[in-house]
Amino acid sequence: MAVGFGVLRLSPEAFWTMTPRELSSALSPPRQVGAAAPSPAELFGLMRRFPDADRQGS
């Protein structure tokens, strides 16, 4: 619980609804060390395809 709340800074709801596999994945190092960040065009394309559901006025 200390790792979930303190290190990962999860809300209680997010912590208690995580599966063991999700928690393990969150605690594991990234698989693609040194992977390149998306280009601005790729990032904006992803933002258009997958908008945040809670954003208003965008």
PDB file of N, CA and C in Angstrom:
ATOM      1  N   MET A   1       0.827  -1.178   0.000  1.00  0.00           N
ATOM      2  CA  MET A   1       0.000   0.000   0.000  1.00  0.00           C
ATOM      3  C   MET A   1       0.875   1.247   0.000  1.00  0.00           C
ATOM      4  N   ALA A   2       1.997   1.199   0.728  1.00  0.00           N
ATOM      5  CA  ALA A   2       2.872   2.367   0.786  1.00  0.00           C
ATOM      6  C   ALA A   2       3.399   2.715  -0.603  1.00  0.00           C
ATOM      7  N   VAL A   3       3.723   1.712  -1.390  1.00  0.00           N
ATOM      8  CA  VAL A   3       4.207   1.962  -2.747  1.00  0.00           C
ATOM      9  C   VAL A   3       3.090   2.512  -3.620  1.00  0.00           C
ATOM     10  N   GLY A   4       1.913   1.943  -3.516  1.00  0.00           N
ATOM     11  CA  GLY A   4       0.780   2.399  -4.326  1.00  0.00           C
ATOM     12  C   GLY A   4       0.398   3.832  -4.036  1.00  0.00           C
ATOM     13  N   PHE A   5       0.340   4.169  -2.764  1.00  0.00           N
ATOM     14  CA  PHE A   5      -0.071   5.524  -2.384  1.00  0.00           C
ATOM     15  C   PHE A   5       1.101   6.504  -2.403  1.00  0.00           C
ATOM     16  N   GLY A   6       2.252   6.078  -1.890  1.00  0.00           N
ATOM     17  CA  GLY A   6       3.388   6.987  -1.750  1.00  0.00           C
ATOM     18  C   GLY A   6       4.219   7.157  -3.000  1.00  0.00           C
ATOM     19  N   VAL A   7       4.572   6.050  -3.643  1.00  0.00           N
ATOM     20  CA  VAL A   7       5.455   6.120  -4.813  1.00  0.00           C
ATOM     21  C   VAL A   7       4.657   6.359  -6.089  1.00  0.00           C
ATOM     22  N   LEU A   8       3.637   5.542  -6.315  1.00  0.00           N
ATOM     23  CA  LEU A   8       2.839   5.678  -7.534  1.00  0.00           C
ATOM     24  C   LEU A   8       1.805   6.795  -7.428  1.00  0.00           C
ATOM     25  N   ARG A   9       1.538   7.245  -6.200  1.00  0.00           N
ATOM     26  CA  ARG A   9       0.573   8.324  -5.948  1.00  0.00           C
ATOM     27  C   ARG A   9      -0.816   8.015  -6.514  1.00  0.00           C
ATOM     28  N   LEU A  10      -1.238   6.783  -6.304  1.00  0.00           N
ATOM     29  CA  LEU A  10      -2.561   6.356  -6.758  1.00  0.00           C
ATOM     30  C   LEU A  10      -3.618   6.808  -5.759  1.00  0.00           C
ATOM     31  N   SER A  11      -4.801   7.053  -6.261  1.00  0.00           N
ATOM     32  CA  SER A  11      -5.920   7.312  -5.367  1.00  0.00           C
ATOM     33  C   SER A  11      -6.314   5.974  -4.734  1.00  0.00           C
ATOM     34  N   PRO A  12      -6.974   6.003  -3.587  1.00  0.00           N
ATOM     35  CA  PRO A  12      -7.412   4.738  -2.984  1.00  0.00           C
ATOM     36  C   PRO A  12      -8.263   3.906  -3.955  1.00  0.00           C
ATOM     37  N   GLU A  13      -9.152   4.565  -4.686  1.00  0.00           N
ATOM     38  CA  GLU A  13     -10.003   3.842  -5.628  1.00  0.00           C
ATOM     39  C   GLU A  13      -9.162   3.165  -6.708  1.00  0.00           C
ATOM     40  N   ALA A  14      -8.201   3.899  -7.276  1.00  0.00           N
ATOM     41  CA  ALA A  14      -7.352   3.323  -8.321  1.00  0.00           C
ATOM     42  C   ALA A  14      -6.523   2.162  -7.776  1.00  0.00           C
ATOM     43  N   PHE A  15      -5.997   2.332  -6.568  1.00  0.00           N
ATOM     44  CA  PHE A  15      -5.185   1.266  -5.973  1.00  0.00           C
ATOM     45  C   PHE A  15      -5.999  -0.003  -5.753  1.00  0.00           C
ATOM     46  N   TRP A  16      -7.162   0.137  -5.138  1.00  0.00           N
ATOM     47  CA  TRP A  16      -7.947  -1.044  -4.782  1.00  0.00           C
ATOM     48  C   TRP A  16      -8.615  -1.707  -5.985  1.00  0.00           C
ATOM     49  N   THR A  17      -8.731  -1.011  -7.105  1.00  0.00           N
ATOM     50  CA  THR A  17      -9.318  -1.642  -8.289  1.00  0.00           C
ATOM     51  C   THR A  17      -8.268  -2.209  -9.235  1.00  0.00           C
ATOM     52  N   MET A  18      -6.972  -2.000  -8.926  1.00  0.00           N
ATOM     53  CA  MET A  18      -5.905  -2.556  -9.765  1.00  0.00           C
ATOM     54  C   MET A  18      -5.847  -4.071  -9.616  1.00  0.00           C
ATOM     55  N   THR A  19      -5.531  -4.727 -10.706  1.00  0.00           N
ATOM     56  CA  THR A  19      -5.280  -6.160 -10.643  1.00  0.00           C
ATOM     57  C   THR A  19      -3.814  -6.362 -10.249  1.00  0.00           C
ATOM     58  N   PRO A  20      -3.466  -7.531  -9.740  1.00  0.00           N
ATOM     59  CA  PRO A  20      -2.052  -7.787  -9.437  1.00  0.00           C
ATOM     60  C   PRO A  20      -1.151  -7.588 -10.670  1.00  0.00           C
ATOM     61  N   ARG A  21      -1.634  -7.945 -11.832  1.00  0.00           N
ATOM     62  CA  ARG A  21      -0.850  -7.773 -13.054  1.00  0.00           C
ATOM     63  C   ARG A  21      -0.612  -6.292 -13.348  1.00  0.00           C
ATOM     64  N   GLU A  22      -1.633  -5.458 -13.149  1.00  0.00           N
ATOM     65  CA  GLU A  22      -1.473  -4.010 -13.372  1.00  0.00           C
ATOM     66  C   GLU A  22      -0.474  -3.411 -12.382  1.00  0.00           C
ATOM     67  N   LEU A  23      -0.553  -3.809 -11.124  1.00  0.00           N
ATOM     68  CA  LEU A  23       0.377  -3.312 -10.121  1.00  0.00           C
ATOM     69  C   LEU A  23       1.802  -3.747 -10.448  1.00  0.00           C
ATOM     70  N   SER A  24       1.968  -4.986 -10.836  1.00  0.00           N
ATOM     71  CA  SER A  24       3.286  -5.477 -11.220  1.00  0.00           C
ATOM     72  C   SER A  24       3.844  -4.693 -12.400  1.00  0.00           C
ATOM     73  N   SER A  25       3.011  -4.428 -13.373  1.00  0.00           N
ATOM     74  CA  SER A  25       3.441  -3.664 -14.543  1.00  0.00           C
ATOM     75  C   SER A  25       3.825  -2.244 -14.165  1.00  0.00           C
ATOM     76  N   ALA A  26       3.079  -1.633 -13.260  1.00  0.00           N
ATOM     77  CA  ALA A  26       3.378  -0.264 -12.832  1.00  0.00           C
ATOM     78  C   ALA A  26       4.703  -0.198 -12.079  1.00  0.00           C
ATOM     79  N   LEU A  27       5.064  -1.280 -11.395  1.00  0.00           N
ATOM     80  CA  LEU A  27       6.296  -1.304 -10.620  1.00  0.00           C
ATOM     81  C   LEU A  27       7.503  -1.772 -11.421  1.00  0.00           C
ATOM     82  N   SER A  28       7.282  -2.343 -12.589  1.00  0.00           N
ATOM     83  CA  SER A  28       8.372  -2.849 -13.418  1.00  0.00           C
ATOM     84  C   SER A  28       9.030  -1.722 -14.191  1.00  0.00           C
ATOM     85  N   PRO A  29      10.332  -1.849 -14.465  1.00  0.00           N
ATOM     86  CA  PRO A  29      10.981  -0.838 -15.300  1.00  0.00           C
ATOM     87  C   PRO A  29      10.411  -0.882 -16.712  1.00  0.00           C
ATOM     88  N   PRO A  30      10.504   0.216 -17.436  1.00  0.00           N
ATOM     89  CA  PRO A  30       9.990   0.226 -18.810  1.00  0.00           C
ATOM     90  C   PRO A  30      10.671  -0.847 -19.651  1.00  0.00           C
ATOM     91  N   ARG A  31       9.926  -1.439 -20.542  1.00  0.00           N
ATOM     92  CA  ARG A  31      10.489  -2.502 -21.390  1.00  0.00           C
ATOM     93  C   ARG A  31      11.355  -1.950 -22.499  1.00  0.00           C
ATOM     94  N   GLN A  32      11.027  -0.772 -22.993  1.00  0.00           N
ATOM     95  CA  GLN A  32      11.772  -0.186 -24.097  1.00  0.00           C
ATOM     96  C   GLN A  32      12.616   0.969 -23.564  1.00  0.00           C
ATOM     97  N   VAL A  33      13.709   0.633 -22.915  1.00  0.00           N
ATOM     98  CA  VAL A  33      14.586   1.666 -22.380  1.00  0.00           C
ATOM     99  C   VAL A  33      15.184   2.431 -23.557  1.00  0.00           C
ATOM    100  N   GLY A  34      15.081   3.730 -23.489  1.00  0.00           N
ATOM    101  CA  GLY A  34      15.634   4.555 -24.552  1.00  0.00           C
ATOM    102  C   GLY A  34      14.720   4.708 -25.759  1.00  0.00           C
ATOM    103  N   ALA A  35      13.475   4.311 -25.624  1.00  0.00           N
ATOM    104  CA  ALA A  35      12.545   4.447 -26.742  1.00  0.00           C
ATOM    105  C   ALA A  35      12.322   5.932 -27.021  1.00  0.00           C
ATOM    106  N   ALA A  36      12.215   6.262 -28.276  1.00  0.00           N
ATOM    107  CA  ALA A  36      12.035   7.650 -28.685  1.00  0.00           C
ATOM    108  C   ALA A  36      10.621   8.126 -28.346  1.00  0.00           C
ATOM    109  N   ALA A  37      10.536   9.363 -27.959  1.00  0.00           N
ATOM    110  CA  ALA A  37       9.233   9.979 -27.704  1.00  0.00           C
ATOM    111  C   ALA A  37       8.547  10.224 -29.041  1.00  0.00           C
ATOM    112  N   PRO A  38       7.213  10.254 -29.053  1.00  0.00           N
ATOM    113  CA  PRO A  38       6.524  10.531 -30.321  1.00  0.00           C
ATOM    114  C   PRO A  38       6.828  11.950 -30.796  1.00  0.00           C
ATOM    115  N   SER A  39       6.821  12.116 -32.088  1.00  0.00           N
ATOM    116  CA  SER A  39       7.017  13.453 -32.658  1.00  0.00           C
ATOM    117  C   SER A  39       5.789  14.300 -32.335  1.00  0.00           C
ATOM    118  N   PRO A  40       5.898  15.626 -32.445  1.00  0.00           N
ATOM    119  CA  PRO A  40       4.722  16.460 -32.196  1.00  0.00           C
ATOM    120  C   PRO A  40       3.529  16.079 -33.075  1.00  0.00           C
ATOM    121  N   ALA A  41       3.799  15.768 -34.338  1.00  0.00           N
ATOM    122  CA  ALA A  41       2.697  15.386 -35.230  1.00  0.00           C
ATOM    123  C   ALA A  41       2.036  14.094 -34.757  1.00  0.00           C
ATOM    124  N   GLU A  42       2.844  13.116 -34.330  1.00  0.00           N
ATOM    125  CA  GLU A  42       2.286  11.860 -33.824  1.00  0.00           C
ATOM    126  C   GLU A  42       1.493  12.095 -32.542  1.00  0.00           C
ATOM    127  N   LEU A  43       2.029  12.937 -31.666  1.00  0.00           N
ATOM    128  CA  LEU A  43       1.343  13.226 -30.417  1.00  0.00           C
ATOM    129  C   LEU A  43      -0.002  13.898 -30.665  1.00  0.00           C
ATOM    130  N   PHE A  44      -0.040  14.908 -31.527  1.00  0.00           N
ATOM    131  CA  PHE A  44      -1.305  15.589 -31.817  1.00  0.00           C
ATOM    132  C   PHE A  44      -2.289  14.659 -32.518  1.00  0.00           C
ATOM    133  N   GLY A  45      -1.782  13.760 -33.362  1.00  0.00           N
ATOM    134  CA  GLY A  45      -2.651  12.774 -33.997  1.00  0.00           C
ATOM    135  C   GLY A  45      -3.289  11.854 -32.966  1.00  0.00           C
ATOM    136  N   LEU A  46      -2.492  11.416 -31.978  1.00  0.00           N
ATOM    137  CA  LEU A  46      -3.030  10.568 -30.910  1.00  0.00           C
ATOM    138  C   LEU A  46      -4.038  11.334 -30.053  1.00  0.00           C
ATOM    139  N   MET A  47      -3.747  12.613 -29.806  1.00  0.00           N
ATOM    140  CA  MET A  47      -4.671  13.417 -29.011  1.00  0.00           C
ATOM    141  C   MET A  47      -6.010  13.605 -29.723  1.00  0.00           C
ATOM    142  N   ARG A  48      -5.980  13.711 -31.042  1.00  0.00           N
ATOM    143  CA  ARG A  48      -7.239  13.833 -31.795  1.00  0.00           C
ATOM    144  C   ARG A  48      -7.997  12.507 -31.789  1.00  0.00           C
ATOM    145  N   ARG A  49      -7.261  11.401 -31.933  1.00  0.00           N
ATOM    146  CA  ARG A  49      -7.911  10.083 -31.983  1.00  0.00           C
ATOM    147  C   ARG A  49      -8.449   9.647 -30.629  1.00  0.00           C
ATOM    148  N   PHE A  50      -7.766  10.032 -29.553  1.00  0.00           N
ATOM    149  CA  PHE A  50      -8.134   9.579 -28.212  1.00  0.00           C
ATOM    150  C   PHE A  50      -8.241  10.777 -27.264  1.00  0.00           C
ATOM    151  N   PRO A  51      -9.265  11.614 -27.440  1.00  0.00           N
ATOM    152  CA  PRO A  51      -9.393  12.800 -26.579  1.00  0.00           C
ATOM    153  C   PRO A  51      -9.736  12.398 -25.140  1.00  0.00           C
ATOM    154  N   ASP A  52      -9.306  13.243 -24.216  1.00  0.00           N
ATOM    155  CA  ASP A  52      -9.666  13.027 -22.824  1.00  0.00           C
ATOM    156  C   ASP A  52     -11.169  13.204 -22.675  1.00  0.00           C
ATOM    157  N   ALA A  53     -11.802  12.256 -22.001  1.00  0.00           N
ATOM    158  CA  ALA A  53     -13.263  12.308 -21.860  1.00  0.00           C
ATOM    159  C   ALA A  53     -13.702  13.439 -20.942  1.00  0.00           C
ATOM    160  N   ASP A  54     -12.837  13.851 -20.011  1.00  0.00           N
ATOM    161  CA  ASP A  54     -13.252  14.864 -19.049  1.00  0.00           C
ATOM    162  C   ASP A  54     -12.884  16.282 -19.460  1.00  0.00           C
ATOM    163  N   ARG A  55     -12.298  16.469 -20.629  1.00  0.00           N
ATOM    164  CA  ARG A  55     -11.959  17.832 -21.070  1.00  0.00           C
ATOM    165  C   ARG A  55     -13.199  18.520 -21.592  1.00  0.00           C
ATOM    166  N   GLN A  56     -13.375  19.761 -21.235  1.00  0.00           N
ATOM    167  CA  GLN A  56     -14.553  20.518 -21.643  1.00  0.00           C
ATOM    168  C   GLN A  56     -14.114  21.695 -22.490  1.00  0.00           C
ATOM    169  N   GLY A  57     -14.866  21.999 -23.517  1.00  0.00           N
ATOM    170  CA  GLY A  57     -14.606  23.180 -24.325  1.00  0.00           C
ATOM    171  C   GLY A  57     -13.486  23.024 -25.329  1.00  0.00           C
ATOM    172  N   SER A  58     -13.040  21.810 -25.591  1.00  0.00           N
ATOM    173  CA  SER A  58     -11.958  21.610 -26.559  1.00  0.00           C
ATOM    174  C   SER A  58     -12.508  21.049 -27.855  1.00  0.00           C
TER     175      SER A  58
END
